[in-house]
Amino acid sequence: MDKKFNWSKMHSLKLSRAMMVCMFMLLIAALFMIPFMARWYALISMGEGVFDNINAPMPDVYNTTRTAGAIKSVDVTIPVTIMLYICDVLGIIAMLSLNTLLNNIIKENVFVEQNTQCIRAISWCCYFVGLTLLFFGLWRFSIMFMSFFAFFMGMIMRVLKNVF
């Protein structure tokens, strides 16, 4: 126990659970907001991807005098909507697994098979989010960068699973 802040293991678990509940509620709320988020992203994004440039000539990357509206882009509203729904459902599954894991830790059931299954489920959710983002990267290459973080988080969870 940290005497300076009067912080215990139970306080830490309660904080983790509160953060998990907040994230779960945000994921549920996102289910209703995804169409609006997808339209907003389609309006502000100006990326290039494989599907953006099928019939377009190669861009002049050294031309810095582009004007607004000069870059034409494919509408990504539907792919973003699908991607967000897939990622949101996977996030909800991961949060439910995390809730089970935290419940077991609170009950002091740390090294049990159910915890290994929860961590495995979370890691697979991370991998599937990574694959979803990687596929969406065909419309916007910058999203492929985010897929790296999802894959990396999946790897970390796989290593943790091996500890259990």
Protein backbone atom coordinates (compact mmCIF):
# COMPACT_ATOMS: atom_id res chain seq x y z
CA MET A 1 0.00 0.00 0.00
CA ASP A 2 1.27 3.45 -0.91
CA LYS A 3 1.20 5.42 2.39
CA LYS A 4 1.64 8.79 0.69
CA PHE A 5 -1.60 8.56 -1.29
CA ASN A 6 -3.38 5.95 0.84
CA TRP A 7 -3.77 3.87 -2.32
CA SER A 8 -4.37 0.14 -2.07
CA LYS A 9 -4.78 -2.74 -4.49
CA MET A 10 -8.55 -2.55 -3.98
CA HIS A 11 -8.57 1.17 -4.86
CA SER A 12 -6.69 0.36 -8.03
CA LEU A 13 -9.14 -2.39 -8.96
CA LYS A 14 -12.10 -0.07 -8.31
CA LEU A 15 -10.53 2.60 -10.51
CA SER A 16 -9.93 0.00 -13.24
CA ARG A 17 -13.53 -1.13 -13.02
CA ALA A 18 -14.83 2.46 -13.15
CA MET A 19 -12.72 3.16 -16.23
CA MET A 20 -13.91 -0.07 -17.83
CA VAL A 21 -17.57 0.83 -17.16
CA CYS A 22 -17.04 4.30 -18.66
CA MET A 23 -15.42 2.79 -21.75
CA PHE A 24 -18.24 0.26 -22.06
CA MET A 25 -20.84 3.05 -21.90
CA LEU A 26 -18.92 5.02 -24.53
CA LEU A 27 -18.87 1.97 -26.80
CA ILE A 28 -22.63 1.50 -26.37
CA ALA A 29 -23.24 5.20 -27.10
CA ALA A 30 -20.96 4.96 -30.14
CA LEU A 31 -23.30 2.34 -31.64
CA PHE A 32 -25.86 5.13 -32.06
CA MET A 33 -23.34 7.77 -33.16
CA ILE A 34 -21.44 5.78 -35.80
CA PRO A 35 -23.38 7.07 -38.84
CA PHE A 36 -22.71 10.67 -37.78
CA MET A 37 -19.04 9.95 -37.04
CA ALA A 38 -18.63 8.25 -40.42
CA ARG A 39 -20.15 11.20 -42.30
CA TRP A 40 -17.97 13.62 -40.35
CA TYR A 41 -14.85 11.62 -41.12
CA ALA A 42 -15.77 11.41 -44.81
CA LEU A 43 -16.11 15.21 -44.90
CA ILE A 44 -12.79 16.02 -43.23
CA SER A 45 -10.56 13.23 -44.52
CA MET A 46 -8.39 13.70 -47.56
CA GLY A 47 -6.34 10.59 -47.70
CA GLU A 48 -5.15 8.44 -50.47
CA GLY A 49 -5.64 4.75 -50.73
CA VAL A 50 -5.70 2.00 -53.28
CA PHE A 51 -9.41 2.51 -53.97
CA ASP A 52 -9.00 6.28 -54.17
CA ASN A 53 -6.60 6.17 -57.07
CA ILE A 54 -7.69 3.31 -59.29
CA ASN A 55 -8.20 5.51 -62.37
CA ALA A 56 -6.25 8.55 -61.24
CA PRO A 57 -2.76 9.43 -62.38
CA MET A 58 0.05 9.19 -59.87
CA PRO A 59 -0.01 12.26 -57.58
CA ASP A 60 2.75 14.81 -57.72
CA VAL A 61 4.00 14.55 -54.13
CA TYR A 62 6.37 17.48 -54.60
CA ASN A 63 3.62 19.89 -55.69
CA THR A 64 2.86 21.95 -52.59
CA THR A 65 0.62 24.47 -54.33
CA ARG A 66 -2.55 22.39 -54.23
CA THR A 67 -5.72 24.34 -53.64
CA ALA A 68 -8.75 23.30 -51.67
CA GLY A 69 -11.00 21.09 -53.73
CA ALA A 70 -8.25 20.17 -56.17
CA ILE A 71 -7.88 16.71 -54.66
CA LYS A 72 -10.79 14.46 -55.49
CA SER A 73 -11.47 11.62 -53.16
CA VAL A 74 -13.76 8.60 -52.99
CA ASP A 75 -16.64 8.83 -50.50
CA VAL A 76 -15.65 6.67 -47.54
CA THR A 77 -18.84 7.01 -45.50
CA ILE A 78 -20.02 3.41 -46.01
CA PRO A 79 -16.60 1.75 -45.46
CA VAL A 80 -16.04 3.88 -42.33
CA THR A 81 -19.49 2.99 -41.01
CA ILE A 82 -18.83 -0.73 -41.48
CA MET A 83 -15.35 -0.44 -39.96
CA LEU A 84 -16.63 1.45 -36.92
CA TYR A 85 -19.44 -1.02 -36.27
CA ILE A 86 -17.03 -3.96 -36.48
CA CYS A 87 -14.51 -2.27 -34.19
CA ASP A 88 -17.24 -1.20 -31.76
CA VAL A 89 -18.65 -4.72 -31.41
CA LEU A 90 -15.13 -6.09 -30.91
CA GLY A 91 -14.53 -3.40 -28.29
CA ILE A 92 -17.71 -4.39 -26.45
CA ILE A 93 -16.61 -8.04 -26.47
CA ALA A 94 -13.21 -7.03 -25.13
CA MET A 95 -14.81 -4.92 -22.37
CA LEU A 96 -17.05 -7.82 -21.31
CA SER A 97 -13.98 -10.07 -21.13
CA LEU A 98 -12.13 -7.41 -19.16
CA ASN A 99 -15.06 -7.16 -16.75
CA THR A 100 -14.92 -10.92 -16.15
CA LEU A 101 -11.16 -10.68 -15.64
CA LEU A 102 -11.51 -7.84 -13.11
CA ASN A 103 -14.27 -9.71 -11.27
CA ASN A 104 -11.98 -12.72 -10.91
CA ILE A 105 -9.08 -10.57 -9.71
CA ILE A 106 -11.33 -8.88 -7.13
CA LYS A 107 -12.31 -12.36 -5.89
CA GLU A 108 -8.56 -13.14 -5.76
CA ASN A 109 -8.90 -15.78 -8.47
CA VAL A 110 -5.87 -14.60 -10.41
CA PHE A 111 -4.24 -17.63 -12.00
CA VAL A 112 -7.33 -19.48 -13.21
CA GLU A 113 -8.24 -20.82 -16.65
CA GLN A 114 -11.11 -18.35 -17.08
CA ASN A 115 -8.65 -15.42 -16.87
CA THR A 116 -6.55 -17.01 -19.61
CA GLN A 117 -9.66 -17.30 -21.77
CA CYS A 118 -10.53 -13.64 -21.11
CA ILE A 119 -7.06 -12.45 -22.06
CA ARG A 120 -7.14 -14.67 -25.16
CA ALA A 121 -10.50 -13.14 -26.18
CA ILE A 122 -9.16 -9.62 -25.67
CA SER A 123 -6.07 -10.39 -27.76
CA TRP A 124 -8.17 -11.82 -30.60
CA CYS A 125 -10.39 -8.74 -30.49
CA CYS A 126 -7.28 -6.58 -30.85
CA TYR A 127 -6.08 -8.67 -33.80
CA PHE A 128 -9.46 -8.46 -35.54
CA VAL A 129 -9.56 -4.69 -34.99
CA GLY A 130 -6.08 -4.56 -36.51
CA LEU A 131 -7.26 -6.54 -39.54
CA THR A 132 -10.33 -4.32 -39.91
CA LEU A 133 -8.21 -1.18 -39.79
CA LEU A 134 -5.69 -2.71 -42.18
CA PHE A 135 -8.48 -3.43 -44.66
CA PHE A 136 -9.86 0.11 -44.26
CA GLY A 137 -6.35 1.34 -44.99
CA LEU A 138 -7.12 0.48 -48.61
CA TRP A 139 -9.27 3.65 -48.60
CA ARG A 140 -7.04 5.74 -46.34
CA PHE A 141 -3.40 4.76 -45.94
CA SER A 142 -3.09 6.70 -42.67
CA ILE A 143 -5.46 4.23 -40.98
CA MET A 144 -2.92 1.47 -41.53
CA PHE A 145 -0.81 3.23 -38.92
CA MET A 146 -3.58 2.70 -36.35
CA SER A 147 -3.78 -0.98 -37.26
CA PHE A 148 -0.17 -1.32 -36.09
CA PHE A 149 -1.22 -0.27 -32.56
CA ALA A 150 -4.10 -2.75 -32.51
CA PHE A 151 -1.79 -5.57 -33.61
CA PHE A 152 0.80 -4.47 -31.05
CA MET A 153 -1.80 -4.47 -28.26
CA GLY A 154 -2.89 -7.94 -29.37
CA MET A 155 0.71 -9.13 -29.09
CA ILE A 156 1.04 -7.69 -25.59
CA MET A 157 -2.15 -9.48 -24.56
CA ARG A 158 -0.84 -12.75 -26.02
CA VAL A 159 2.32 -12.40 -23.93
CA LEU A 160 0.20 -11.72 -20.82
CA LYS A 161 -1.90 -14.77 -21.65
CA ASN A 162 1.24 -16.89 -21.59
CA VAL A 163 1.94 -15.65 -18.04
CA PHE A 164 -1.43 -17.01 -16.92
